[in-house]
């Protein structure tokens, strides 16, 4: 599998419950940068000992401002043109099987004071999410794997919503969601998947496993917050309706 690992979203262990995390993009990006620089990247590997990656770059002079020449400037050549792409994201998908309020009609401050459980093995994603959510008055709990996420959920039944990755080691997001749904008290708990998995059938598989919503990365924060508000509002509304129905007439 030494060649396939350089393809986007591919890893030597491609299962969603693999031992190690990551998205399978690092080597693909590295190979593309090497190509832009006129070079290449190679790998040798021995089971039980490890892998060695070698980056080959040409030592070529390039013209720069003023007519002078210099060594190859990797930072300039490898820098992507991001103009027009920042802040864009695929549309968020909300299942039609459950009535969820229109995000535009939900009170913006609804999330303040709520508790959100983030389940993700990538500390960079967790840091970015936690920093953003806490600015909106949200209390954030964190687990780096599915089993720990389930344990935290049982210790903190006050959790209002779960944000979870699909591809995690040992116990993936689908298995974790299914396990959560087997506990009656969490049957209506919103579980939003944030993931890079966007192949045909991925969303349907996760929804069937127990996900409330399936959001592909990159995620626009404002749109994510809007969807979170919608699900929290729907849960609050459902709880109110049940409470009202149980009250004596």
C-alpha atoms as a PDB file:
ATOM      1  CA  UNK A   1       0.000   0.000   0.000  1.00  0.00           C
ATOM      2  CA  UNK A   2       3.007   2.305  -0.252  1.00  0.00           C
ATOM      3  CA  UNK A   3       1.635   4.021  -3.351  1.00  0.00           C
ATOM      4  CA  UNK A   4      -2.006   4.263  -2.264  1.00  0.00           C
ATOM      5  CA  UNK A   5      -1.140   6.201   0.903  1.00  0.00           C
ATOM      6  CA  UNK A   6      -0.236   9.202  -1.256  1.00  0.00           C
ATOM      7  CA  UNK A   7      -3.816   9.422  -2.566  1.00  0.00           C
ATOM      8  CA  UNK A   8      -6.271  11.812  -0.878  1.00  0.00           C
ATOM      9  CA  UNK A   9      -8.217  10.334   2.046  1.00  0.00           C
ATOM     10  CA  UNK A  10      -6.282   7.057   1.858  1.00  0.00           C
ATOM     11  CA  UNK A  11      -4.343   5.322   4.624  1.00  0.00           C
ATOM     12  CA  UNK A  12      -2.604   1.979   4.982  1.00  0.00           C
ATOM     13  CA  UNK A  13      -5.384   1.052   7.419  1.00  0.00           C
ATOM     14  CA  UNK A  14      -8.496   2.441   5.742  1.00  0.00           C
ATOM     15  CA  UNK A  15     -11.070   1.228   8.278  1.00  0.00           C
ATOM     16  CA  UNK A  16     -13.006   3.830  10.255  1.00  0.00           C
ATOM     17  CA  UNK A  17     -11.965   2.101  13.487  1.00  0.00           C
ATOM     18  CA  UNK A  18      -8.247   2.078  12.695  1.00  0.00           C
ATOM     19  CA  UNK A  19      -5.694   2.327  15.488  1.00  0.00           C
ATOM     20  CA  UNK A  20      -4.320   5.716  14.410  1.00  0.00           C
ATOM     21  CA  UNK A  21      -6.192   8.926  13.587  1.00  0.00           C
ATOM     22  CA  UNK A  22      -5.806  11.493  10.812  1.00  0.00           C
ATOM     23  CA  UNK A  23      -7.674  12.217   7.584  1.00  0.00           C
ATOM     24  CA  UNK A  24      -5.296  10.752   4.998  1.00  0.00           C
ATOM     25  CA  UNK A  25      -4.494  14.136   3.454  1.00  0.00           C
ATOM     26  CA  UNK A  26      -0.991  14.838   4.762  1.00  0.00           C
ATOM     27  CA  UNK A  27       0.928  12.726   2.253  1.00  0.00           C
ATOM     28  CA  UNK A  28      -1.283  13.820  -0.640  1.00  0.00           C
ATOM     29  CA  UNK A  29      -0.567  17.465   0.184  1.00  0.00           C
ATOM     30  CA  UNK A  30       3.150  16.718   0.624  1.00  0.00           C
ATOM     31  CA  UNK A  31       3.337  15.026  -2.769  1.00  0.00           C
ATOM     32  CA  UNK A  32       1.587  17.964  -4.447  1.00  0.00           C
ATOM     33  CA  UNK A  33       3.952  20.476  -2.825  1.00  0.00           C
ATOM     34  CA  UNK A  34       6.925  18.385  -3.953  1.00  0.00           C
ATOM     35  CA  UNK A  35       5.516  18.358  -7.501  1.00  0.00           C
ATOM     36  CA  UNK A  36       5.031  22.148  -7.463  1.00  0.00           C
ATOM     37  CA  UNK A  37       8.667  22.492  -6.490  1.00  0.00           C
ATOM     38  CA  UNK A  38       9.756  20.273  -9.351  1.00  0.00           C
ATOM     39  CA  UNK A  39      10.681  17.411  -7.054  1.00  0.00           C
ATOM     40  CA  UNK A  40       9.201  14.220  -5.659  1.00  0.00           C
ATOM     41  CA  UNK A  41       8.677  12.310  -2.449  1.00  0.00           C
ATOM     42  CA  UNK A  42       9.484   8.631  -1.897  1.00  0.00           C
ATOM     43  CA  UNK A  43       9.003   6.099   0.893  1.00  0.00           C
ATOM     44  CA  UNK A  44      10.634   2.900   2.088  1.00  0.00           C
ATOM     45  CA  UNK A  45       9.096   0.813   4.843  1.00  0.00           C
ATOM     46  CA  UNK A  46       9.805  -2.293   6.857  1.00  0.00           C
ATOM     47  CA  UNK A  47       7.147  -3.981   8.974  1.00  0.00           C
ATOM     48  CA  UNK A  48       7.960  -3.688  12.643  1.00  0.00           C
ATOM     49  CA  UNK A  49      10.708  -1.092  12.125  1.00  0.00           C
ATOM     50  CA  UNK A  50       8.999   1.902  10.553  1.00  0.00           C
ATOM     51  CA  UNK A  51       8.953   4.048   7.416  1.00  0.00           C
ATOM     52  CA  UNK A  52      11.333   6.585   5.907  1.00  0.00           C
ATOM     53  CA  UNK A  53      10.043   9.368   3.653  1.00  0.00           C
ATOM     54  CA  UNK A  54      12.537  11.225   1.450  1.00  0.00           C
ATOM     55  CA  UNK A  55      11.850  14.567  -0.238  1.00  0.00           C
ATOM     56  CA  UNK A  56      13.826  15.240  -3.416  1.00  0.00           C
ATOM     57  CA  UNK A  57      14.100  18.873  -4.607  1.00  0.00           C
ATOM     58  CA  UNK A  58      16.083  20.292  -7.529  1.00  0.00           C
ATOM     59  CA  UNK A  59      18.750  22.861  -6.707  1.00  0.00           C
ATOM     60  CA  UNK A  60      17.760  25.341  -9.396  1.00  0.00           C
ATOM     61  CA  UNK A  61      18.235  29.131  -9.506  1.00  0.00           C
ATOM     62  CA  UNK A  62      15.096  31.166 -10.135  1.00  0.00           C
ATOM     63  CA  UNK A  63      14.661  34.778 -11.269  1.00  0.00           C
ATOM     64  CA  UNK A  64      13.462  37.248  -8.639  1.00  0.00           C
ATOM     65  CA  UNK A  65      12.669  40.970  -8.590  1.00  0.00           C
ATOM     66  CA  UNK A  66      15.574  43.170  -9.657  1.00  0.00           C
ATOM     67  CA  UNK A  67      16.980  40.688 -12.144  1.00  0.00           C
ATOM     68  CA  UNK A  68      18.947  38.763  -9.537  1.00  0.00           C
ATOM     69  CA  UNK A  69      18.724  35.016  -9.004  1.00  0.00           C
ATOM     70  CA  UNK A  70      18.434  33.016  -5.862  1.00  0.00           C
ATOM     71  CA  UNK A  71      17.831  29.519  -4.624  1.00  0.00           C
ATOM     72  CA  UNK A  72      14.380  27.990  -4.947  1.00  0.00           C
ATOM     73  CA  UNK A  73      11.967  29.768  -2.601  1.00  0.00           C
ATOM     74  CA  UNK A  74       9.740  26.954  -1.353  1.00  0.00           C
ATOM     75  CA  UNK A  75       7.443  29.267   0.576  1.00  0.00           C
ATOM     76  CA  UNK A  76       6.609  31.299  -2.533  1.00  0.00           C
ATOM     77  CA  UNK A  77       6.195  28.394  -4.948  1.00  0.00           C
ATOM     78  CA  UNK A  78       4.186  26.178  -2.629  1.00  0.00           C
ATOM     79  CA  UNK A  79       1.809  28.836  -1.348  1.00  0.00           C
ATOM     80  CA  UNK A  80      -1.682  28.056  -2.706  1.00  0.00           C
ATOM     81  CA  UNK A  81      -3.978  30.692  -4.116  1.00  0.00           C
ATOM     82  CA  UNK A  82      -6.740  30.784  -1.511  1.00  0.00           C
ATOM     83  CA  UNK A  83      -8.538  33.869  -2.783  1.00  0.00           C
ATOM     84  CA  UNK A  84     -12.239  33.167  -3.061  1.00  0.00           C
ATOM     85  CA  UNK A  85     -12.109  29.867  -1.170  1.00  0.00           C
ATOM     86  CA  UNK A  86     -11.866  30.863   2.475  1.00  0.00           C
ATOM     87  CA  UNK A  87     -15.071  30.511   4.439  1.00  0.00           C
ATOM     88  CA  UNK A  88     -16.735  28.369   1.775  1.00  0.00           C
ATOM     89  CA  UNK A  89     -18.190  25.003   2.677  1.00  0.00           C
ATOM     90  CA  UNK A  90     -20.628  22.470   1.288  1.00  0.00           C
ATOM     91  CA  UNK A  91     -24.245  23.128   2.283  1.00  0.00           C
ATOM     92  CA  UNK A  92     -25.220  21.685   5.630  1.00  0.00           C
ATOM     93  CA  UNK A  93     -27.646  18.803   5.334  1.00  0.00           C
ATOM     94  CA  UNK A  94     -30.555  18.538   7.759  1.00  0.00           C
ATOM     95  CA  UNK A  95     -32.546  15.289   7.712  1.00  0.00           C
ATOM     96  CA  UNK A  96     -36.127  15.726   6.574  1.00  0.00           C
ATOM     97  CA  UNK A  97     -37.355  12.933   8.812  1.00  0.00           C
ATOM     98  CA  UNK A  98     -37.414  15.198  11.860  1.00  0.00           C
ATOM     99  CA  UNK A  99     -38.891  18.660  12.213  1.00  0.00           C
ATOM    100  CA  UNK A 100     -36.067  21.106  12.897  1.00  0.00           C
ATOM    101  CA  UNK A 101     -36.706  24.865  13.176  1.00  0.00           C
ATOM    102  CA  UNK A 102     -35.387  27.105  10.427  1.00  0.00           C
ATOM    103  CA  UNK A 103     -31.996  28.427  11.657  1.00  0.00           C
ATOM    104  CA  UNK A 104     -33.024  31.974  10.738  1.00  0.00           C
ATOM    105  CA  UNK A 105     -36.025  31.735  13.076  1.00  0.00           C
ATOM    106  CA  UNK A 106     -34.099  30.510  16.130  1.00  0.00           C
ATOM    107  CA  UNK A 107     -33.034  32.861  18.915  1.00  0.00           C
ATOM    108  CA  UNK A 108     -29.284  33.612  18.392  1.00  0.00           C
ATOM    109  CA  UNK A 109     -28.549  33.420  22.131  1.00  0.00           C
ATOM    110  CA  UNK A 110     -30.122  29.986  22.542  1.00  0.00           C
ATOM    111  CA  UNK A 111     -26.757  28.199  22.789  1.00  0.00           C
ATOM    112  CA  UNK A 112     -25.444  30.343  25.641  1.00  0.00           C
ATOM    113  CA  UNK A 113     -25.298  28.211  28.772  1.00  0.00           C
ATOM    114  CA  UNK A 114     -25.636  24.909  26.923  1.00  0.00           C
ATOM    115  CA  UNK A 115     -23.179  22.015  27.284  1.00  0.00           C
ATOM    116  CA  UNK A 116     -21.650  20.451  24.179  1.00  0.00           C
ATOM    117  CA  UNK A 117     -19.610  17.249  24.068  1.00  0.00           C
ATOM    118  CA  UNK A 118     -16.908  17.185  21.372  1.00  0.00           C
ATOM    119  CA  UNK A 119     -15.680  13.705  20.424  1.00  0.00           C
ATOM    120  CA  UNK A 120     -12.670  13.879  18.082  1.00  0.00           C
ATOM    121  CA  UNK A 121      -9.188  12.374  18.101  1.00  0.00           C
ATOM    122  CA  UNK A 122      -7.623  15.347  16.267  1.00  0.00           C
ATOM    123  CA  UNK A 123      -6.532  17.848  18.922  1.00  0.00           C
ATOM    124  CA  UNK A 124      -6.329  20.636  16.303  1.00  0.00           C
ATOM    125  CA  UNK A 125     -10.029  20.292  15.490  1.00  0.00           C
ATOM    126  CA  UNK A 126     -10.892  20.144  19.180  1.00  0.00           C
ATOM    127  CA  UNK A 127      -8.898  23.277  19.976  1.00  0.00           C
ATOM    128  CA  UNK A 128     -10.468  25.250  17.131  1.00  0.00           C
ATOM    129  CA  UNK A 129     -13.998  24.129  18.015  1.00  0.00           C
ATOM    130  CA  UNK A 130     -13.604  24.662  21.745  1.00  0.00           C
ATOM    131  CA  UNK A 131     -12.175  28.153  21.326  1.00  0.00           C
ATOM    132  CA  UNK A 132     -15.016  29.189  19.015  1.00  0.00           C
ATOM    133  CA  UNK A 133     -17.833  27.618  21.029  1.00  0.00           C
ATOM    134  CA  UNK A 134     -16.706  29.053  24.361  1.00  0.00           C
ATOM    135  CA  UNK A 135     -16.863  32.549  22.861  1.00  0.00           C
ATOM    136  CA  UNK A 136     -20.608  31.955  22.467  1.00  0.00           C
ATOM    137  CA  UNK A 137     -21.111  31.010  26.111  1.00  0.00           C
ATOM    138  CA  UNK A 138     -21.069  27.259  25.478  1.00  0.00           C
ATOM    139  CA  UNK A 139     -19.545  24.860  27.993  1.00  0.00           C
ATOM    140  CA  UNK A 140     -17.425  22.287  26.142  1.00  0.00           C
ATOM    141  CA  UNK A 141     -16.556  18.757  27.263  1.00  0.00           C
ATOM    142  CA  UNK A 142     -13.997  16.773  25.287  1.00  0.00           C
ATOM    143  CA  UNK A 143     -13.246  13.116  24.566  1.00  0.00           C
ATOM    144  CA  UNK A 144     -10.608  11.851  22.137  1.00  0.00           C
ATOM    145  CA  UNK A 145     -12.358   8.539  21.402  1.00  0.00           C
ATOM    146  CA  UNK A 146     -15.814   7.013  21.316  1.00  0.00           C
ATOM    147  CA  UNK A 147     -15.595   4.993  24.512  1.00  0.00           C
ATOM    148  CA  UNK A 148     -14.469   7.973  26.542  1.00  0.00           C
ATOM    149  CA  UNK A 149     -17.223  10.044  24.911  1.00  0.00           C
ATOM    150  CA  UNK A 150     -19.855   7.559  26.099  1.00  0.00           C
ATOM    151  CA  UNK A 151     -18.394   7.554  29.620  1.00  0.00           C
ATOM    152  CA  UNK A 152     -18.429  11.357  29.720  1.00  0.00           C
ATOM    153  CA  UNK A 153     -22.005  11.429  28.492  1.00  0.00           C
ATOM    154  CA  UNK A 154     -23.149   9.152  31.324  1.00  0.00           C
ATOM    155  CA  UNK A 155     -21.277  11.294  33.852  1.00  0.00           C
ATOM    156  CA  UNK A 156     -22.765  14.485  32.394  1.00  0.00           C
ATOM    157  CA  UNK A 157     -26.391  13.836  31.427  1.00  0.00           C
ATOM    158  CA  UNK A 158     -26.811  17.615  31.140  1.00  0.00           C
ATOM    159  CA  UNK A 159     -25.084  17.544  27.725  1.00  0.00           C
ATOM    160  CA  UNK A 160     -27.364  19.264  25.202  1.00  0.00           C
ATOM    161  CA  UNK A 161     -25.610  18.273  21.977  1.00  0.00           C
ATOM    162  CA  UNK A 162     -22.738  16.124  20.687  1.00  0.00           C
ATOM    163  CA  UNK A 163     -20.281  17.096  17.925  1.00  0.00           C
ATOM    164  CA  UNK A 164     -18.490  13.971  16.724  1.00  0.00           C
ATOM    165  CA  UNK A 165     -15.969  12.887  14.133  1.00  0.00           C
ATOM    166  CA  UNK A 166     -16.591   9.694  12.153  1.00  0.00           C
ATOM    167  CA  UNK A 167     -13.055   8.405  11.696  1.00  0.00           C
ATOM    168  CA  UNK A 168     -11.639   7.652  15.130  1.00  0.00           C
ATOM    169  CA  UNK A 169      -9.393   4.842  16.371  1.00  0.00           C
ATOM    170  CA  UNK A 170     -10.800   1.688  18.001  1.00  0.00           C
ATOM    171  CA  UNK A 171     -14.452   2.819  18.089  1.00  0.00           C
ATOM    172  CA  UNK A 172     -15.549   4.994  15.170  1.00  0.00           C
ATOM    173  CA  UNK A 173     -18.308   7.592  15.148  1.00  0.00           C
ATOM    174  CA  UNK A 174     -20.972   5.276  13.759  1.00  0.00           C
ATOM    175  CA  UNK A 175     -20.353   2.686  16.476  1.00  0.00           C
ATOM    176  CA  UNK A 176     -20.329   5.400  19.128  1.00  0.00           C
ATOM    177  CA  UNK A 177     -23.605   6.930  17.917  1.00  0.00           C
ATOM    178  CA  UNK A 178     -25.273   3.508  17.837  1.00  0.00           C
ATOM    179  CA  UNK A 179     -24.115   2.816  21.403  1.00  0.00           C
ATOM    180  CA  UNK A 180     -25.428   6.184  22.599  1.00  0.00           C
ATOM    181  CA  UNK A 181     -28.819   5.546  20.993  1.00  0.00           C
ATOM    182  CA  UNK A 182     -29.153   2.257  22.848  1.00  0.00           C
ATOM    183  CA  UNK A 183     -29.512   4.289  26.065  1.00  0.00           C
ATOM    184  CA  UNK A 184     -33.146   5.507  26.256  1.00  0.00           C
ATOM    185  CA  UNK A 185     -32.291   8.806  27.965  1.00  0.00           C
ATOM    186  CA  UNK A 186     -30.142   9.781  24.960  1.00  0.00           C
ATOM    187  CA  UNK A 187     -32.653   8.752  22.292  1.00  0.00           C
ATOM    188  CA  UNK A 188     -33.398  12.382  21.379  1.00  0.00           C
ATOM    189  CA  UNK A 189     -29.947  13.832  22.049  1.00  0.00           C
ATOM    190  CA  UNK A 190     -28.721  15.720  18.929  1.00  0.00           C
ATOM    191  CA  UNK A 191     -25.555  14.089  17.560  1.00  0.00           C
ATOM    192  CA  UNK A 192     -23.978  16.115  14.770  1.00  0.00           C
ATOM    193  CA  UNK A 193     -21.198  14.507  12.756  1.00  0.00           C
ATOM    194  CA  UNK A 194     -18.391  16.789  11.525  1.00  0.00           C
ATOM    195  CA  UNK A 195     -16.305  14.806   9.064  1.00  0.00           C
ATOM    196  CA  UNK A 196     -14.234  14.749   5.902  1.00  0.00           C
ATOM    197  CA  UNK A 197     -15.927  11.518   4.791  1.00  0.00           C
ATOM    198  CA  UNK A 198     -18.082  12.551   1.849  1.00  0.00           C
ATOM    199  CA  UNK A 199     -18.244   9.441  -0.308  1.00  0.00           C
ATOM    200  CA  UNK A 200     -21.635   8.179  -1.582  1.00  0.00           C
ATOM    201  CA  UNK A 201     -23.435   6.334   1.178  1.00  0.00           C
ATOM    202  CA  UNK A 202     -21.351   7.725   4.061  1.00  0.00           C
ATOM    203  CA  UNK A 203     -24.052  10.107   5.248  1.00  0.00           C
ATOM    204  CA  UNK A 204     -26.825   7.512   4.980  1.00  0.00           C
ATOM    205  CA  UNK A 205     -24.763   4.991   6.958  1.00  0.00           C
ATOM    206  CA  UNK A 206     -24.161   7.478   9.762  1.00  0.00           C
ATOM    207  CA  UNK A 207     -27.791   8.630   9.913  1.00  0.00           C
ATOM    208  CA  UNK A 208     -28.853   4.982  10.137  1.00  0.00           C
ATOM    209  CA  UNK A 209     -26.372   4.460  12.970  1.00  0.00           C
ATOM    210  CA  UNK A 210     -27.920   7.283  14.996  1.00  0.00           C
ATOM    211  CA  UNK A 211     -26.492  10.599  13.783  1.00  0.00           C
ATOM    212  CA  UNK A 212     -28.947  13.498  13.790  1.00  0.00           C
ATOM    213  CA  UNK A 213     -27.064  15.444  11.129  1.00  0.00           C
ATOM    214  CA  UNK A 214     -24.030  14.965   8.895  1.00  0.00           C
ATOM    215  CA  UNK A 215     -21.863  17.983   8.158  1.00  0.00           C
ATOM    216  CA  UNK A 216     -18.857  17.740   5.848  1.00  0.00           C
ATOM    217  CA  UNK A 217     -15.657  19.689   6.451  1.00  0.00           C
ATOM    218  CA  UNK A 218     -14.562  22.396   5.999  1.00  0.00           C
ATOM    219  CA  UNK A 219     -17.313  23.802   8.187  1.00  0.00           C
ATOM    220  CA  UNK A 220     -18.319  27.439   8.286  1.00  0.00           C
ATOM    221  CA  UNK A 221     -18.654  28.352  11.978  1.00  0.00           C
ATOM    222  CA  UNK A 222     -21.692  30.623  11.602  1.00  0.00           C
ATOM    223  CA  UNK A 223     -23.595  27.956   9.702  1.00  0.00           C
ATOM    224  CA  UNK A 224     -22.575  25.293  12.215  1.00  0.00           C
ATOM    225  CA  UNK A 225     -23.841  27.439  15.086  1.00  0.00           C
ATOM    226  CA  UNK A 226     -27.115  27.995  13.235  1.00  0.00           C
ATOM    227  CA  UNK A 227     -27.641  24.249  12.797  1.00  0.00           C
ATOM    228  CA  UNK A 228     -26.707  23.622  16.429  1.00  0.00           C
ATOM    229  CA  UNK A 229     -29.311  26.161  17.536  1.00  0.00           C
ATOM    230  CA  UNK A 230     -31.927  24.456  15.377  1.00  0.00           C
ATOM    231  CA  UNK A 231     -31.305  21.062  16.942  1.00  0.00           C
ATOM    232  CA  UNK A 232     -31.211  22.424  20.484  1.00  0.00           C
ATOM    233  CA  UNK A 233     -34.454  24.305  19.816  1.00  0.00           C
ATOM    234  CA  UNK A 234     -36.068  21.148  18.435  1.00  0.00           C
ATOM    235  CA  UNK A 235     -35.013  19.174  21.499  1.00  0.00           C
ATOM    236  CA  UNK A 236     -36.292  21.840  23.877  1.00  0.00           C
ATOM    237  CA  UNK A 237     -39.578  21.978  21.966  1.00  0.00           C
ATOM    238  CA  UNK A 238     -39.994  18.214  22.048  1.00  0.00           C
ATOM    239  CA  UNK A 239     -39.294  18.127  25.788  1.00  0.00           C
ATOM    240  CA  UNK A 240     -41.843  20.841  26.382  1.00  0.00           C
ATOM    241  CA  UNK A 241     -44.457  19.023  24.331  1.00  0.00           C
ATOM    242  CA  UNK A 242     -43.899  15.785  26.259  1.00  0.00           C
ATOM    243  CA  UNK A 243     -44.047  17.599  29.572  1.00  0.00           C
ATOM    244  CA  UNK A 244     -47.253  19.324  28.542  1.00  0.00           C
ATOM    245  CA  UNK A 245     -48.839  16.056  27.469  1.00  0.00           C
ATOM    246  CA  UNK A 246     -48.041  14.398  30.778  1.00  0.00           C
ATOM    247  CA  UNK A 247     -49.483  17.176  32.916  1.00  0.00           C
ATOM    248  CA  UNK A 248     -52.894  16.487  34.400  1.00  0.00           C
ATOM    249  CA  UNK A 249     -55.761  18.167  32.643  1.00  0.00           C
END
